[in-house]
C-alpha cells in the first residue's frame, strides 16, 4: 500500500513539474535588415594617421622571425608514454 502511494505521488509530482513547460520557447526573430544606409555612418569617417609619426611608435622593434615558420611541433604518437 505504501509503495502504491509513493508511485502515485511520484506520478503526480512529475505531472505537475512537466506541465509547467507547455511548449518550446519561440525562436528569436532576426533583426530587420535595412538597406544600404548601414554604411552611410562611415561616409564622414576621418582616420588620424598622426600616431604613426609618434617617436614612441617609431622606436618599436620586431622580435623573432617574421613570418613565423611553423616547424615540427607536438608528439607523433599522442598515446605514447614519453
C-alpha atoms as a PDB file:
ATOM      1  CA  UNK A   1       0.000   0.000   0.000  1.00  0.00           C
ATOM      2  CA  UNK A   2       2.825   2.361   0.876  1.00  0.00           C
ATOM      3  CA  UNK A   3       4.633   1.625  -2.388  1.00  0.00           C
ATOM      4  CA  UNK A   4       1.481   2.393  -4.388  1.00  0.00           C
ATOM      5  CA  UNK A   5       1.121   5.718  -2.558  1.00  0.00           C
ATOM      6  CA  UNK A   6       4.751   6.624  -3.324  1.00  0.00           C
ATOM      7  CA  UNK A   7       4.274   5.741  -7.000  1.00  0.00           C
ATOM      8  CA  UNK A   8       1.073   7.803  -7.254  1.00  0.00           C
ATOM      9  CA  UNK A   9       2.733  10.776  -5.541  1.00  0.00           C
ATOM     10  CA  UNK A  10       5.703  10.419  -7.899  1.00  0.00           C
ATOM     11  CA  UNK A  11       3.439  10.491 -10.949  1.00  0.00           C
ATOM     12  CA  UNK A  12       1.564  13.497  -9.552  1.00  0.00           C
ATOM     13  CA  UNK A  13       4.791  15.384  -8.855  1.00  0.00           C
ATOM     14  CA  UNK A  14       6.117  14.525 -12.312  1.00  0.00           C
ATOM     15  CA  UNK A  15       2.902  15.693 -13.947  1.00  0.00           C
ATOM     16  CA  UNK A  16       2.962  18.985 -12.049  1.00  0.00           C
ATOM     17  CA  UNK A  17       6.644  19.525 -12.844  1.00  0.00           C
ATOM     18  CA  UNK A  18       6.416  18.750 -16.562  1.00  0.00           C
ATOM     19  CA  UNK A  19       3.080  20.505 -17.098  1.00  0.00           C
ATOM     20  CA  UNK A  20       4.762  23.837 -16.336  1.00  0.00           C
ATOM     21  CA  UNK A  21       6.618  23.590 -19.623  1.00  0.00           C
ATOM     22  CA  UNK A  22       3.753  23.917 -22.071  1.00  0.00           C
ATOM     23  CA  UNK A  23       5.776  24.081 -25.255  1.00  0.00           C
ATOM     24  CA  UNK A  24       9.068  25.013 -26.796  1.00  0.00           C
ATOM     25  CA  UNK A  25      10.195  28.590 -26.497  1.00  0.00           C
ATOM     26  CA  UNK A  26       9.679  30.655 -29.633  1.00  0.00           C
ATOM     27  CA  UNK A  27      12.757  31.194 -31.752  1.00  0.00           C
ATOM     28  CA  UNK A  28      14.176  34.714 -31.609  1.00  0.00           C
ATOM     29  CA  UNK A  29      13.402  36.786 -34.660  1.00  0.00           C
ATOM     30  CA  UNK A  30      16.386  38.139 -36.569  1.00  0.00           C
ATOM     31  CA  UNK A  31      16.751  41.908 -36.643  1.00  0.00           C
ATOM     32  CA  UNK A  32      15.292  43.742 -39.584  1.00  0.00           C
ATOM     33  CA  UNK A  33      17.914  44.276 -42.258  1.00  0.00           C
ATOM     34  CA  UNK A  34      17.897  47.795 -43.534  1.00  0.00           C
ATOM     35  CA  UNK A  35      19.120  48.784 -46.961  1.00  0.00           C
ATOM     36  CA  UNK A  36      22.472  50.240 -47.865  1.00  0.00           C
ATOM     37  CA  UNK A  37      22.036  53.006 -45.299  1.00  0.00           C
ATOM     38  CA  UNK A  38      24.111  50.983 -42.843  1.00  0.00           C
ATOM     39  CA  UNK A  39      27.338  52.256 -44.402  1.00  0.00           C
ATOM     40  CA  UNK A  40      26.209  55.881 -44.514  1.00  0.00           C
ATOM     41  CA  UNK A  41      27.558  56.466 -40.999  1.00  0.00           C
ATOM     42  CA  UNK A  42      31.076  55.725 -42.277  1.00  0.00           C
ATOM     43  CA  UNK A  43      30.772  58.296 -45.039  1.00  0.00           C
ATOM     44  CA  UNK A  44      32.337  61.025 -42.896  1.00  0.00           C
ATOM     45  CA  UNK A  45      34.893  58.780 -41.195  1.00  0.00           C
ATOM     46  CA  UNK A  46      38.225  60.509 -40.650  1.00  0.00           C
ATOM     47  CA  UNK A  47      41.244  58.369 -39.733  1.00  0.00           C
ATOM     48  CA  UNK A  48      44.023  60.109 -37.828  1.00  0.00           C
ATOM     49  CA  UNK A  49      47.367  58.768 -39.080  1.00  0.00           C
ATOM     50  CA  UNK A  50      49.415  61.183 -36.969  1.00  0.00           C
ATOM     51  CA  UNK A  51      50.004  58.421 -34.412  1.00  0.00           C
ATOM     52  CA  UNK A  52      52.333  56.782 -36.944  1.00  0.00           C
ATOM     53  CA  UNK A  53      54.608  59.823 -36.728  1.00  0.00           C
ATOM     54  CA  UNK A  54      54.953  59.497 -32.944  1.00  0.00           C
ATOM     55  CA  UNK A  55      58.516  58.962 -31.646  1.00  0.00           C
ATOM     56  CA  UNK A  56      57.448  56.098 -29.345  1.00  0.00           C
ATOM     57  CA  UNK A  57      55.827  54.310 -32.270  1.00  0.00           C
ATOM     58  CA  UNK A  58      58.968  54.626 -34.364  1.00  0.00           C
ATOM     59  CA  UNK A  59      61.116  53.063 -31.601  1.00  0.00           C
ATOM     60  CA  UNK A  60      59.137  49.807 -31.643  1.00  0.00           C
ATOM     61  CA  UNK A  61      61.113  46.757 -32.747  1.00  0.00           C
ATOM     62  CA  UNK A  62      60.101  43.418 -34.240  1.00  0.00           C
ATOM     63  CA  UNK A  63      61.154  40.464 -32.089  1.00  0.00           C
ATOM     64  CA  UNK A  64      61.505  36.977 -33.544  1.00  0.00           C
ATOM     65  CA  UNK A  65      61.317  35.870 -37.108  1.00  0.00           C
ATOM     66  CA  UNK A  66      58.652  37.187 -39.384  1.00  0.00           C
ATOM     67  CA  UNK A  67      56.770  35.460 -40.910  1.00  0.00           C
ATOM     68  CA  UNK A  68      56.678  32.645 -38.384  1.00  0.00           C
ATOM     69  CA  UNK A  69      57.826  29.319 -39.797  1.00  0.00           C
ATOM     70  CA  UNK A  70      55.737  26.587 -38.173  1.00  0.00           C
ATOM     71  CA  UNK A  71      58.297  23.813 -37.553  1.00  0.00           C
ATOM     72  CA  UNK A  72      57.515  20.328 -36.262  1.00  0.00           C
ATOM     73  CA  UNK A  73      55.502  20.535 -33.065  1.00  0.00           C
ATOM     74  CA  UNK A  74      53.732  18.130 -30.779  1.00  0.00           C
ATOM     75  CA  UNK A  75      54.078  14.392 -30.402  1.00  0.00           C
ATOM     76  CA  UNK A  76      53.902  11.992 -33.307  1.00  0.00           C
ATOM     77  CA  UNK A  77      52.012   9.477 -31.154  1.00  0.00           C
ATOM     78  CA  UNK A  78      49.818  11.230 -28.601  1.00  0.00           C
ATOM     79  CA  UNK A  79      49.280   7.961 -26.713  1.00  0.00           C
ATOM     80  CA  UNK A  80      52.993   7.279 -26.199  1.00  0.00           C
ATOM     81  CA  UNK A  81      54.059   7.455 -22.524  1.00  0.00           C
ATOM     82  CA  UNK A  82      57.118   9.622 -23.236  1.00  0.00           C
END
